[in-house]
Amino acid sequence: MPKYFFFDLDKTLTKSRSPMEPDHQELFDRLCSEREVVVVSGGNREQIREQVTPRFDKRYWTLAQSGNHAIDKSGQDLWNEELDTEQIAATFDFIESLKKYFNIAVKDPNDLVENRGAQISYSVIGFHEDSEKKYAFDPDDSKRQAALAALPEELQRLTEAGIEVTPAGTTTYNFIEAGKHKGFNIKRLLDRNGWSFDECVYVGDALFPGGNDETVIGVVPTKAVTGPDDTFAFIKEMLS
């Protein structure tokens, strides 16, 4: 039985950019009471708190911005490693190339890019676009992967600046410092806390090749899920 539960957020604990469902909160409450829980997301700490809901403040660990901003259960920073000016400039240049590639008329041009500090995220159609449109846009990440494959020279320049990019969520790309992905930062937390590999499990919807959870494979045991209902069925099984 795992002692330490790590969860992706969007499409794992909650729907995209949405609060945890009330019926799921009761199981999450039990889990936080009986186990150590870590939420691992590309979102910043405020977005994670909004989705998990303030009901669970100080009851779980947070690895925000793909783990590059780590916060303990009391709310204290463990580390927060922001991108430098060269990395930020290279990322914004690459985002412009992606915008040209997709050539999509969006509802709100100011809702496409978030510089979160340790990570920059770009939503192709908008972070706050209609949920059904977001889920229908690129359900298997193939559109976003094809865009990366179509921009090899631009991707090389991004790599030279020390940035890696991964599709995430429903419509997004996450840009982080190369190598400082979810797997890297989960390993840092395990080493810091002395948690055993065998007593952990990571639950995520994107453990497939190229998915933003893939880097966790081999760091801790993993459980692939298809969405929040699947996640909470697993939690219920673990608590029974």
C-alpha atoms as a PDB file:
ATOM      1  CA  MET A   1       0.000   0.000   0.000  1.00  0.00           C
ATOM      2  CA  PRO A   2       1.563   3.349  -1.020  1.00  0.00           C
ATOM      3  CA  LYS A   3       2.296   5.880   1.714  1.00  0.00           C
ATOM      4  CA  TYR A   4       3.063   8.721  -0.700  1.00  0.00           C
ATOM      5  CA  PHE A   5       0.612   9.652  -3.461  1.00  0.00           C
ATOM      6  CA  PHE A   6       1.706  11.985  -6.265  1.00  0.00           C
ATOM      7  CA  PHE A   7      -0.968  13.353  -8.596  1.00  0.00           C
ATOM      8  CA  ASP A   8      -1.013  15.260 -11.837  1.00  0.00           C
ATOM      9  CA  LEU A   9      -3.758  17.909 -11.736  1.00  0.00           C
ATOM     10  CA  ASP A  10      -5.571  18.666 -15.022  1.00  0.00           C
ATOM     11  CA  LYS A  11      -7.414  15.626 -16.381  1.00  0.00           C
ATOM     12  CA  THR A  12      -6.242  13.601 -13.364  1.00  0.00           C
ATOM     13  CA  LEU A  13      -7.512  15.137 -10.108  1.00  0.00           C
ATOM     14  CA  THR A  14      -9.769  17.687 -11.811  1.00  0.00           C
ATOM     15  CA  LYS A  15     -11.104  18.643 -15.196  1.00  0.00           C
ATOM     16  CA  SER A  16      -9.077  21.270 -17.059  1.00  0.00           C
ATOM     17  CA  ARG A  17      -8.847  24.482 -15.011  1.00  0.00           C
ATOM     18  CA  SER A  18     -11.795  23.365 -12.873  1.00  0.00           C
ATOM     19  CA  PRO A  19     -12.335  22.828  -9.136  1.00  0.00           C
ATOM     20  CA  MET A  20     -12.348  19.303  -7.757  1.00  0.00           C
ATOM     21  CA  GLU A  21     -15.812  17.756  -7.917  1.00  0.00           C
ATOM     22  CA  PRO A  22     -17.638  17.743  -4.546  1.00  0.00           C
ATOM     23  CA  ASP A  23     -18.053  13.954  -4.499  1.00  0.00           C
ATOM     24  CA  HIS A  24     -14.342  13.556  -5.206  1.00  0.00           C
ATOM     25  CA  GLN A  25     -13.446  15.897  -2.354  1.00  0.00           C
ATOM     26  CA  GLU A  26     -14.693  13.422   0.243  1.00  0.00           C
ATOM     27  CA  LEU A  27     -12.287  10.731  -0.957  1.00  0.00           C
ATOM     28  CA  PHE A  28      -9.475  13.261  -1.233  1.00  0.00           C
ATOM     29  CA  ASP A  29     -10.171  14.307   2.359  1.00  0.00           C
ATOM     30  CA  ARG A  30      -9.720  10.701   3.502  1.00  0.00           C
ATOM     31  CA  LEU A  31      -6.552  10.296   1.469  1.00  0.00           C
ATOM     32  CA  CYS A  32      -4.980  13.471   2.895  1.00  0.00           C
ATOM     33  CA  SER A  33      -5.806  12.235   6.413  1.00  0.00           C
ATOM     34  CA  GLU A  34      -4.250   8.806   5.909  1.00  0.00           C
ATOM     35  CA  ARG A  35      -1.365   9.372   3.466  1.00  0.00           C
ATOM     36  CA  GLU A  36       1.101  12.014   2.287  1.00  0.00           C
ATOM     37  CA  VAL A  37      -0.264  13.669  -0.873  1.00  0.00           C
ATOM     38  CA  VAL A  38       1.694  15.673  -3.449  1.00  0.00           C
ATOM     39  CA  VAL A  39       0.089  17.595  -6.329  1.00  0.00           C
ATOM     40  CA  VAL A  40       2.403  17.955  -9.331  1.00  0.00           C
ATOM     41  CA  SER A  41       1.319  20.413 -12.010  1.00  0.00           C
ATOM     42  CA  GLY A  42       2.508  22.888 -14.589  1.00  0.00           C
ATOM     43  CA  GLY A  43       0.229  25.438 -12.951  1.00  0.00           C
ATOM     44  CA  ASN A  44       1.385  27.957 -10.380  1.00  0.00           C
ATOM     45  CA  ARG A  45       0.585  27.557  -6.699  1.00  0.00           C
ATOM     46  CA  GLU A  46      -2.486  29.807  -6.900  1.00  0.00           C
ATOM     47  CA  GLN A  47      -3.993  27.847  -9.791  1.00  0.00           C
ATOM     48  CA  ILE A  48      -3.348  24.542  -8.031  1.00  0.00           C
ATOM     49  CA  ARG A  49      -4.959  25.829  -4.829  1.00  0.00           C
ATOM     50  CA  GLU A  50      -7.995  27.040  -6.780  1.00  0.00           C
ATOM     51  CA  GLN A  51      -8.505  23.656  -8.434  1.00  0.00           C
ATOM     52  CA  VAL A  52      -7.797  21.450  -5.420  1.00  0.00           C
ATOM     53  CA  THR A  53      -9.882  24.035  -3.511  1.00  0.00           C
ATOM     54  CA  PRO A  54      -8.938  25.961  -0.341  1.00  0.00           C
ATOM     55  CA  ARG A  55     -10.665  23.272   1.707  1.00  0.00           C
ATOM     56  CA  PHE A  56      -7.403  21.316   1.562  1.00  0.00           C
ATOM     57  CA  ASP A  57      -4.982  24.102   2.478  1.00  0.00           C
ATOM     58  CA  LYS A  58      -1.957  22.807   4.431  1.00  0.00           C
ATOM     59  CA  ARG A  59      -2.921  19.184   3.798  1.00  0.00           C
ATOM     60  CA  TYR A  60      -0.788  18.370   0.751  1.00  0.00           C
ATOM     61  CA  TRP A  61       2.608  19.141  -0.758  1.00  0.00           C
ATOM     62  CA  THR A  62       2.788  21.190  -3.953  1.00  0.00           C
ATOM     63  CA  LEU A  63       5.164  20.769  -6.889  1.00  0.00           C
ATOM     64  CA  ALA A  64       4.062  23.719  -9.005  1.00  0.00           C
ATOM     65  CA  GLN A  65       5.411  24.710 -12.426  1.00  0.00           C
ATOM     66  CA  SER A  66       6.400  21.082 -13.142  1.00  0.00           C
ATOM     67  CA  GLY A  67       8.028  20.980  -9.714  1.00  0.00           C
ATOM     68  CA  ASN A  68      10.329  23.954 -10.184  1.00  0.00           C
ATOM     69  CA  HIS A  69       8.435  25.714  -7.396  1.00  0.00           C
ATOM     70  CA  ALA A  70       8.109  23.332  -4.451  1.00  0.00           C
ATOM     71  CA  ILE A  71       5.999  24.139  -1.383  1.00  0.00           C
ATOM     72  CA  ASP A  72       5.618  22.047   1.772  1.00  0.00           C
ATOM     73  CA  LYS A  73       2.317  21.419   3.529  1.00  0.00           C
ATOM     74  CA  SER A  74       2.736  24.451   5.779  1.00  0.00           C
ATOM     75  CA  GLY A  75       2.981  26.713   2.742  1.00  0.00           C
ATOM     76  CA  GLN A  76       6.740  27.322   2.950  1.00  0.00           C
ATOM     77  CA  ASP A  77       8.867  27.340  -0.191  1.00  0.00           C
ATOM     78  CA  LEU A  78      11.347  24.486  -0.537  1.00  0.00           C
ATOM     79  CA  TRP A  79      12.752  25.876  -3.802  1.00  0.00           C
ATOM     80  CA  ASN A  80      11.655  28.265  -6.555  1.00  0.00           C
ATOM     81  CA  GLU A  81      13.925  28.416  -9.590  1.00  0.00           C
ATOM     82  CA  GLU A  82      12.883  30.997 -12.169  1.00  0.00           C
ATOM     83  CA  LEU A  83      13.904  31.188 -15.815  1.00  0.00           C
ATOM     84  CA  ASP A  84      16.516  33.771 -16.825  1.00  0.00           C
ATOM     85  CA  THR A  85      16.059  36.580 -19.359  1.00  0.00           C
ATOM     86  CA  GLU A  86      17.664  34.676 -22.244  1.00  0.00           C
ATOM     87  CA  GLN A  87      15.451  31.655 -21.635  1.00  0.00           C
ATOM     88  CA  ILE A  88      12.348  33.835 -21.445  1.00  0.00           C
ATOM     89  CA  ALA A  89      13.205  35.588 -24.730  1.00  0.00           C
ATOM     90  CA  ALA A  90      13.860  32.286 -26.526  1.00  0.00           C
ATOM     91  CA  THR A  91      10.573  30.895 -25.259  1.00  0.00           C
ATOM     92  CA  PHE A  92       8.548  33.872 -26.434  1.00  0.00           C
ATOM     93  CA  ASP A  93      10.207  33.658 -29.863  1.00  0.00           C
ATOM     94  CA  PHE A  94       9.230  30.006 -30.115  1.00  0.00           C
ATOM     95  CA  ILE A  95       5.653  30.764 -29.042  1.00  0.00           C
ATOM     96  CA  GLU A  96       5.397  33.244 -31.923  1.00  0.00           C
ATOM     97  CA  SER A  97       6.470  30.459 -34.293  1.00  0.00           C
ATOM     98  CA  LEU A  98       3.767  28.210 -32.844  1.00  0.00           C
ATOM     99  CA  LYS A  99       1.132  30.909 -33.285  1.00  0.00           C
ATOM    100  CA  LYS A 100       2.070  31.224 -36.954  1.00  0.00           C
ATOM    101  CA  TYR A 101       2.020  27.455 -37.400  1.00  0.00           C
ATOM    102  CA  PHE A 102      -1.469  27.007 -35.940  1.00  0.00           C
ATOM    103  CA  ASN A 103      -2.868  30.231 -37.444  1.00  0.00           C
ATOM    104  CA  ILE A 104      -5.998  30.039 -35.304  1.00  0.00           C
ATOM    105  CA  ALA A 105      -8.401  32.903 -34.657  1.00  0.00           C
ATOM    106  CA  VAL A 106      -8.757  32.957 -30.869  1.00  0.00           C
ATOM    107  CA  LYS A 107     -11.421  34.462 -28.632  1.00  0.00           C
ATOM    108  CA  ASP A 108      -8.975  36.349 -26.418  1.00  0.00           C
ATOM    109  CA  PRO A 109      -5.395  36.984 -27.635  1.00  0.00           C
ATOM    110  CA  ASN A 110      -4.444  38.050 -24.099  1.00  0.00           C
ATOM    111  CA  ASP A 111      -5.373  34.621 -22.699  1.00  0.00           C
ATOM    112  CA  LEU A 112      -2.687  32.601 -24.474  1.00  0.00           C
ATOM    113  CA  VAL A 113       0.558  33.012 -22.527  1.00  0.00           C
ATOM    114  CA  GLU A 114       1.405  32.882 -18.815  1.00  0.00           C
ATOM    115  CA  ASN A 115       4.914  33.551 -17.534  1.00  0.00           C
ATOM    116  CA  ARG A 116       4.726  31.796 -14.190  1.00  0.00           C
ATOM    117  CA  GLY A 117       8.353  32.436 -13.250  1.00  0.00           C
ATOM    118  CA  ALA A 118       9.909  28.970 -13.305  1.00  0.00           C
ATOM    119  CA  GLN A 119       7.770  27.976 -16.284  1.00  0.00           C
ATOM    120  CA  ILE A 120       6.068  29.640 -19.235  1.00  0.00           C
ATOM    121  CA  SER A 121       2.879  28.126 -20.619  1.00  0.00           C
ATOM    122  CA  TYR A 122       1.171  28.761 -23.948  1.00  0.00           C
ATOM    123  CA  SER A 123      -2.401  27.686 -24.669  1.00  0.00           C
ATOM    124  CA  VAL A 124      -3.062  27.447 -28.402  1.00  0.00           C
ATOM    125  CA  ILE A 125      -6.727  28.453 -28.129  1.00  0.00           C
ATOM    126  CA  GLY A 126      -6.795  30.100 -24.684  1.00  0.00           C
ATOM    127  CA  PHE A 127      -6.585  29.023 -21.068  1.00  0.00           C
ATOM    128  CA  HIS A 128     -10.159  30.084 -20.376  1.00  0.00           C
ATOM    129  CA  GLU A 129     -11.759  28.947 -23.633  1.00  0.00           C
ATOM    130  CA  ASP A 130     -14.901  26.819 -23.376  1.00  0.00           C
ATOM    131  CA  SER A 131     -14.107  23.492 -21.706  1.00  0.00           C
ATOM    132  CA  GLU A 132     -15.675  21.363 -24.449  1.00  0.00           C
ATOM    133  CA  LYS A 133     -13.608  23.156 -27.101  1.00  0.00           C
ATOM    134  CA  LYS A 134     -10.452  22.605 -25.057  1.00  0.00           C
ATOM    135  CA  TYR A 135     -11.083  18.879 -24.666  1.00  0.00           C
ATOM    136  CA  ALA A 136     -11.903  18.513 -28.374  1.00  0.00           C
ATOM    137  CA  PHE A 137      -8.875  20.470 -29.607  1.00  0.00           C
ATOM    138  CA  ASP A 138      -6.119  17.852 -29.290  1.00  0.00           C
ATOM    139  CA  PRO A 139      -7.219  14.885 -27.136  1.00  0.00           C
ATOM    140  CA  ASP A 140      -4.200  12.719 -27.945  1.00  0.00           C
ATOM    141  CA  ASP A 141      -1.571  15.507 -28.130  1.00  0.00           C
ATOM    142  CA  SER A 142      -0.981  14.679 -31.824  1.00  0.00           C
ATOM    143  CA  LYS A 143      -1.592  18.213 -33.125  1.00  0.00           C
ATOM    144  CA  ARG A 144       0.836  19.727 -30.655  1.00  0.00           C
ATOM    145  CA  GLN A 145       3.471  17.053 -31.270  1.00  0.00           C
ATOM    146  CA  ALA A 146       3.149  17.594 -35.041  1.00  0.00           C
ATOM    147  CA  ALA A 147       3.736  21.317 -34.569  1.00  0.00           C
ATOM    148  CA  LEU A 148       6.984  20.649 -32.700  1.00  0.00           C
ATOM    149  CA  ALA A 149       8.119  18.251 -35.445  1.00  0.00           C
ATOM    150  CA  ALA A 150       7.364  20.914 -38.071  1.00  0.00           C
ATOM    151  CA  LEU A 151       9.637  23.513 -36.413  1.00  0.00           C
ATOM    152  CA  PRO A 152      13.057  21.800 -36.117  1.00  0.00           C
ATOM    153  CA  GLU A 153      15.212  24.922 -36.546  1.00  0.00           C
ATOM    154  CA  GLU A 154      13.159  26.936 -34.086  1.00  0.00           C
ATOM    155  CA  LEU A 155      13.175  24.015 -31.653  1.00  0.00           C
ATOM    156  CA  GLN A 156      16.956  23.787 -31.913  1.00  0.00           C
ATOM    157  CA  ARG A 157      17.319  27.452 -30.967  1.00  0.00           C
ATOM    158  CA  LEU A 158      15.036  26.865 -27.989  1.00  0.00           C
ATOM    159  CA  THR A 159      17.144  23.888 -26.932  1.00  0.00           C
ATOM    160  CA  GLU A 160      20.322  25.949 -27.223  1.00  0.00           C
ATOM    161  CA  ALA A 161      18.810  28.413 -24.737  1.00  0.00           C
ATOM    162  CA  GLY A 162      18.377  25.566 -22.258  1.00  0.00           C
ATOM    163  CA  ILE A 163      14.608  25.197 -22.565  1.00  0.00           C
ATOM    164  CA  GLU A 164      12.508  22.100 -23.193  1.00  0.00           C
ATOM    165  CA  VAL A 165       8.866  22.110 -24.279  1.00  0.00           C
ATOM    166  CA  THR A 166       6.139  19.535 -23.707  1.00  0.00           C
ATOM    167  CA  PRO A 167       2.431  19.439 -24.568  1.00  0.00           C
ATOM    168  CA  ALA A 168       0.332  19.537 -21.392  1.00  0.00           C
ATOM    169  CA  GLY A 169      -3.288  19.626 -20.341  1.00  0.00           C
ATOM    170  CA  THR A 170      -5.778  20.036 -23.174  1.00  0.00           C
ATOM    171  CA  THR A 171      -4.387  22.882 -25.299  1.00  0.00           C
ATOM    172  CA  THR A 172      -1.107  23.901 -23.701  1.00  0.00           C
ATOM    173  CA  TYR A 173       2.653  23.763 -24.114  1.00  0.00           C
ATOM    174  CA  ASN A 174       4.838  23.998 -20.993  1.00  0.00           C
ATOM    175  CA  PHE A 175       8.315  25.518 -21.274  1.00  0.00           C
ATOM    176  CA  ILE A 176      10.786  24.713 -18.480  1.00  0.00           C
ATOM    177  CA  GLU A 177      14.522  24.670 -17.941  1.00  0.00           C
ATOM    178  CA  ALA A 178      15.904  21.606 -19.712  1.00  0.00           C
ATOM    179  CA  GLY A 179      16.010  18.544 -17.469  1.00  0.00           C
ATOM    180  CA  LYS A 180      13.990  20.108 -14.652  1.00  0.00           C
ATOM    181  CA  HIS A 181      10.820  18.202 -15.456  1.00  0.00           C
ATOM    182  CA  LYS A 182       8.325  16.452 -13.206  1.00  0.00           C
ATOM    183  CA  GLY A 183      10.461  13.345 -12.793  1.00  0.00           C
ATOM    184  CA  PHE A 184      13.544  15.347 -11.833  1.00  0.00           C
ATOM    185  CA  ASN A 185      11.680  17.359  -9.216  1.00  0.00           C
ATOM    186  CA  ILE A 186       9.830  14.388  -7.743  1.00  0.00           C
ATOM    187  CA  LYS A 187      13.220  12.724  -7.266  1.00  0.00           C
ATOM    188  CA  ARG A 188      14.444  15.878  -5.480  1.00  0.00           C
ATOM    189  CA  LEU A 189      11.506  15.747  -3.095  1.00  0.00           C
ATOM    190  CA  LEU A 190      12.005  12.044  -2.396  1.00  0.00           C
ATOM    191  CA  ASP A 191      15.688  12.607  -1.643  1.00  0.00           C
ATOM    192  CA  ARG A 192      14.943  15.613   0.556  1.00  0.00           C
ATOM    193  CA  ASN A 193      12.289  13.803   2.595  1.00  0.00           C
ATOM    194  CA  GLY A 194      13.846  10.350   2.628  1.00  0.00           C
ATOM    195  CA  TRP A 195      10.780   8.760   1.043  1.00  0.00           C
ATOM    196  CA  SER A 196      11.189   5.261  -0.371  1.00  0.00           C
ATOM    197  CA  PHE A 197      10.563   4.512  -4.069  1.00  0.00           C
ATOM    198  CA  ASP A 198       8.584   1.395  -3.176  1.00  0.00           C
ATOM    199  CA  GLU A 199       6.175   3.330  -0.977  1.00  0.00           C
ATOM    200  CA  CYS A 200       5.214   5.877  -3.670  1.00  0.00           C
ATOM    201  CA  VAL A 201       2.807   5.997  -6.592  1.00  0.00           C
ATOM    202  CA  TYR A 202       2.329   8.677  -9.256  1.00  0.00           C
ATOM    203  CA  VAL A 203      -1.104   8.985 -10.858  1.00  0.00           C
ATOM    204  CA  GLY A 204      -1.394  10.782 -14.190  1.00  0.00           C
ATOM    205  CA  ASP A 205      -3.257  10.888 -17.486  1.00  0.00           C
ATOM    206  CA  ALA A 206      -0.196  11.576 -19.694  1.00  0.00           C
ATOM    207  CA  LEU A 207       2.249   8.751 -18.979  1.00  0.00           C
ATOM    208  CA  PHE A 208       2.387   7.850 -22.686  1.00  0.00           C
ATOM    209  CA  PRO A 209       5.453   8.635 -24.868  1.00  0.00           C
ATOM    210  CA  GLY A 210       5.775  12.406 -25.208  1.00  0.00           C
ATOM    211  CA  GLY A 211       3.228  13.075 -22.469  1.00  0.00           C
ATOM    212  CA  ASN A 212       4.059  15.518 -19.699  1.00  0.00           C
ATOM    213  CA  ASP A 213       3.946  12.728 -17.089  1.00  0.00           C
ATOM    214  CA  GLU A 214       6.335  10.421 -18.974  1.00  0.00           C
ATOM    215  CA  THR A 215       9.434  11.676 -17.133  1.00  0.00           C
ATOM    216  CA  VAL A 216       8.092  10.229 -13.886  1.00  0.00           C
ATOM    217  CA  ILE A 217       8.392   6.656 -15.199  1.00  0.00           C
ATOM    218  CA  GLY A 218      11.239   4.954 -13.361  1.00  0.00           C
ATOM    219  CA  VAL A 219      11.378   7.635 -10.660  1.00  0.00           C
ATOM    220  CA  VAL A 220       8.426   6.167  -8.741  1.00  0.00           C
ATOM    221  CA  PRO A 221       5.814   3.523  -9.578  1.00  0.00           C
ATOM    222  CA  THR A 222       3.063   4.923 -11.793  1.00  0.00           C
ATOM    223  CA  LYS A 223      -0.649   4.480 -12.413  1.00  0.00           C
ATOM    224  CA  ALA A 224      -2.125   5.660 -15.720  1.00  0.00           C
ATOM    225  CA  VAL A 225      -5.666   7.040 -15.618  1.00  0.00           C
ATOM    226  CA  THR A 226      -8.104   8.432 -18.168  1.00  0.00           C
ATOM    227  CA  GLY A 227      -9.603  11.225 -16.072  1.00  0.00           C
ATOM    228  CA  PRO A 228     -10.756  12.279 -12.605  1.00  0.00           C
ATOM    229  CA  ASP A 229     -13.391   9.542 -12.261  1.00  0.00           C
ATOM    230  CA  ASP A 230     -10.747   6.928 -13.001  1.00  0.00           C
ATOM    231  CA  THR A 231      -8.367   8.574 -10.511  1.00  0.00           C
ATOM    232  CA  PHE A 232     -10.873   8.558  -7.692  1.00  0.00           C
ATOM    233  CA  ALA A 233     -11.894   4.966  -8.412  1.00  0.00           C
ATOM    234  CA  PHE A 234      -8.221   4.116  -7.854  1.00  0.00           C
ATOM    235  CA  ILE A 235      -8.095   6.168  -4.643  1.00  0.00           C
ATOM    236  CA  LYS A 236     -11.213   4.412  -3.373  1.00  0.00           C
ATOM    237  CA  GLU A 237      -9.611   1.047  -4.114  1.00  0.00           C
ATOM    238  CA  MET A 238      -6.429   2.060  -2.279  1.00  0.00           C
ATOM    239  CA  LEU A 239      -8.384   3.175   0.788  1.00  0.00           C
ATOM    240  CA  SER A 240     -10.633   0.131   0.986  1.00  0.00           C
END
